[in-house]
Amino acid sequence: MNESIAAKLLDDLRDGNIAELFVKKEDFLVFRSVLVKRDDFKHFRGIAQRGGHVIYHYLKEPRS
């Protein structure tokens, strides 16, 4: 995964085109570097999975 793909996937998740986003362990560092730069960073919730993978959801209300 590269930064442009990560940004596109985050936009798709935000816009409701996908319900959740599965990020593999090997893609996590690139993905997270894109995620933390976004203005709507607090709207994304990641749930850790077994093996280092993460599933992300978009929240209408930002987390605290």
C-alpha atoms as a PDB file:
ATOM      1  CA  MET A   1       0.000   0.000   0.000  1.00  0.00           C
ATOM      2  CA  ASN A   2       1.226   3.498  -0.765  1.00  0.00           C
ATOM      3  CA  GLU A   3       0.076   6.870   0.567  1.00  0.00           C
ATOM      4  CA  SER A   4      -2.265   7.665  -2.326  1.00  0.00           C
ATOM      5  CA  ILE A   5      -4.067   4.320  -1.987  1.00  0.00           C
ATOM      6  CA  ALA A   6      -4.379   4.843   1.776  1.00  0.00           C
ATOM      7  CA  ALA A   7      -5.856   8.317   1.261  1.00  0.00           C
ATOM      8  CA  LYS A   8      -8.352   6.960  -1.310  1.00  0.00           C
ATOM      9  CA  LEU A   9      -9.428   4.162   1.044  1.00  0.00           C
ATOM     10  CA  LEU A  10      -9.905   6.623   3.916  1.00  0.00           C
ATOM     11  CA  ASP A  11     -12.013   8.865   1.673  1.00  0.00           C
ATOM     12  CA  ASP A  12     -14.126   5.863   0.635  1.00  0.00           C
ATOM     13  CA  LEU A  13     -14.663   4.938   4.277  1.00  0.00           C
ATOM     14  CA  ARG A  14     -15.591   8.529   5.195  1.00  0.00           C
ATOM     15  CA  ASP A  15     -17.991   8.858   2.255  1.00  0.00           C
ATOM     16  CA  GLY A  16     -19.757   5.589   3.090  1.00  0.00           C
ATOM     17  CA  ASN A  17     -18.648   3.751  -0.048  1.00  0.00           C
ATOM     18  CA  ILE A  18     -17.273   1.011   2.230  1.00  0.00           C
ATOM     19  CA  ALA A  19     -18.526   0.066   5.702  1.00  0.00           C
ATOM     20  CA  GLU A  20     -15.168  -0.923   7.169  1.00  0.00           C
ATOM     21  CA  LEU A  21     -11.541  -1.022   6.172  1.00  0.00           C
ATOM     22  CA  PHE A  22      -9.213  -3.937   6.889  1.00  0.00           C
ATOM     23  CA  VAL A  23      -5.545  -2.927   7.127  1.00  0.00           C
ATOM     24  CA  LYS A  24      -2.916  -5.655   7.124  1.00  0.00           C
ATOM     25  CA  LYS A  25      -0.048  -5.569   9.583  1.00  0.00           C
ATOM     26  CA  GLU A  26       2.518  -4.933   6.835  1.00  0.00           C
ATOM     27  CA  ASP A  27       0.548  -1.899   5.551  1.00  0.00           C
ATOM     28  CA  PHE A  28      -0.156  -0.356   8.951  1.00  0.00           C
ATOM     29  CA  LEU A  29       2.762   2.091   9.223  1.00  0.00           C
ATOM     30  CA  VAL A  30       2.151   3.661   5.813  1.00  0.00           C
ATOM     31  CA  PHE A  31      -1.605   3.754   6.446  1.00  0.00           C
ATOM     32  CA  ARG A  32      -1.262   5.339   9.881  1.00  0.00           C
ATOM     33  CA  SER A  33       1.124   8.024   8.608  1.00  0.00           C
ATOM     34  CA  VAL A  34      -1.610   9.145   6.196  1.00  0.00           C
ATOM     35  CA  LEU A  35      -4.388   8.820   8.769  1.00  0.00           C
ATOM     36  CA  VAL A  36      -2.829  11.009  11.476  1.00  0.00           C
ATOM     37  CA  LYS A  37      -2.338  13.898   9.029  1.00  0.00           C
ATOM     38  CA  ARG A  38      -6.070  14.154   8.270  1.00  0.00           C
ATOM     39  CA  ASP A  39      -8.283  16.833   9.781  1.00  0.00           C
ATOM     40  CA  ASP A  40     -10.966  14.220  10.517  1.00  0.00           C
ATOM     41  CA  PHE A  41      -8.522  11.847  12.253  1.00  0.00           C
ATOM     42  CA  LYS A  42     -10.692  11.617  15.382  1.00  0.00           C
ATOM     43  CA  HIS A  43     -13.609  10.235  13.351  1.00  0.00           C
ATOM     44  CA  PHE A  44     -11.759   7.004  12.558  1.00  0.00           C
ATOM     45  CA  ARG A  45     -11.768   4.150  15.044  1.00  0.00           C
ATOM     46  CA  GLY A  46      -9.380   1.250  14.659  1.00  0.00           C
ATOM     47  CA  ILE A  47     -10.027  -2.110  16.282  1.00  0.00           C
ATOM     48  CA  ALA A  48      -6.958  -4.312  16.652  1.00  0.00           C
ATOM     49  CA  GLN A  49      -7.224  -7.868  15.392  1.00  0.00           C
ATOM     50  CA  ARG A  50      -5.215 -10.971  16.031  1.00  0.00           C
ATOM     51  CA  GLY A  51      -1.901 -10.971  14.192  1.00  0.00           C
ATOM     52  CA  GLY A  52      -1.442  -7.186  14.103  1.00  0.00           C
ATOM     53  CA  HIS A  53      -4.183  -6.348  11.609  1.00  0.00           C
ATOM     54  CA  VAL A  54      -6.647  -3.480  12.218  1.00  0.00           C
ATOM     55  CA  ILE A  55     -10.257  -2.879  11.149  1.00  0.00           C
ATOM     56  CA  TYR A  56     -11.260   0.779  10.816  1.00  0.00           C
ATOM     57  CA  HIS A  57     -14.730   2.319  10.997  1.00  0.00           C
ATOM     58  CA  TYR A  58     -15.791   5.922  10.451  1.00  0.00           C
ATOM     59  CA  LEU A  59     -17.713   7.595  13.264  1.00  0.00           C
ATOM     60  CA  LYS A  60     -20.156  10.462  12.686  1.00  0.00           C
ATOM     61  CA  GLU A  61     -19.126  11.979  16.029  1.00  0.00           C
ATOM     62  CA  PRO A  62     -15.403  12.322  16.746  1.00  0.00           C
ATOM     63  CA  ARG A  63     -13.993  10.247  19.548  1.00  0.00           C
ATOM     64  CA  SER A  64     -12.613  12.118  22.530  1.00  0.00           C
END
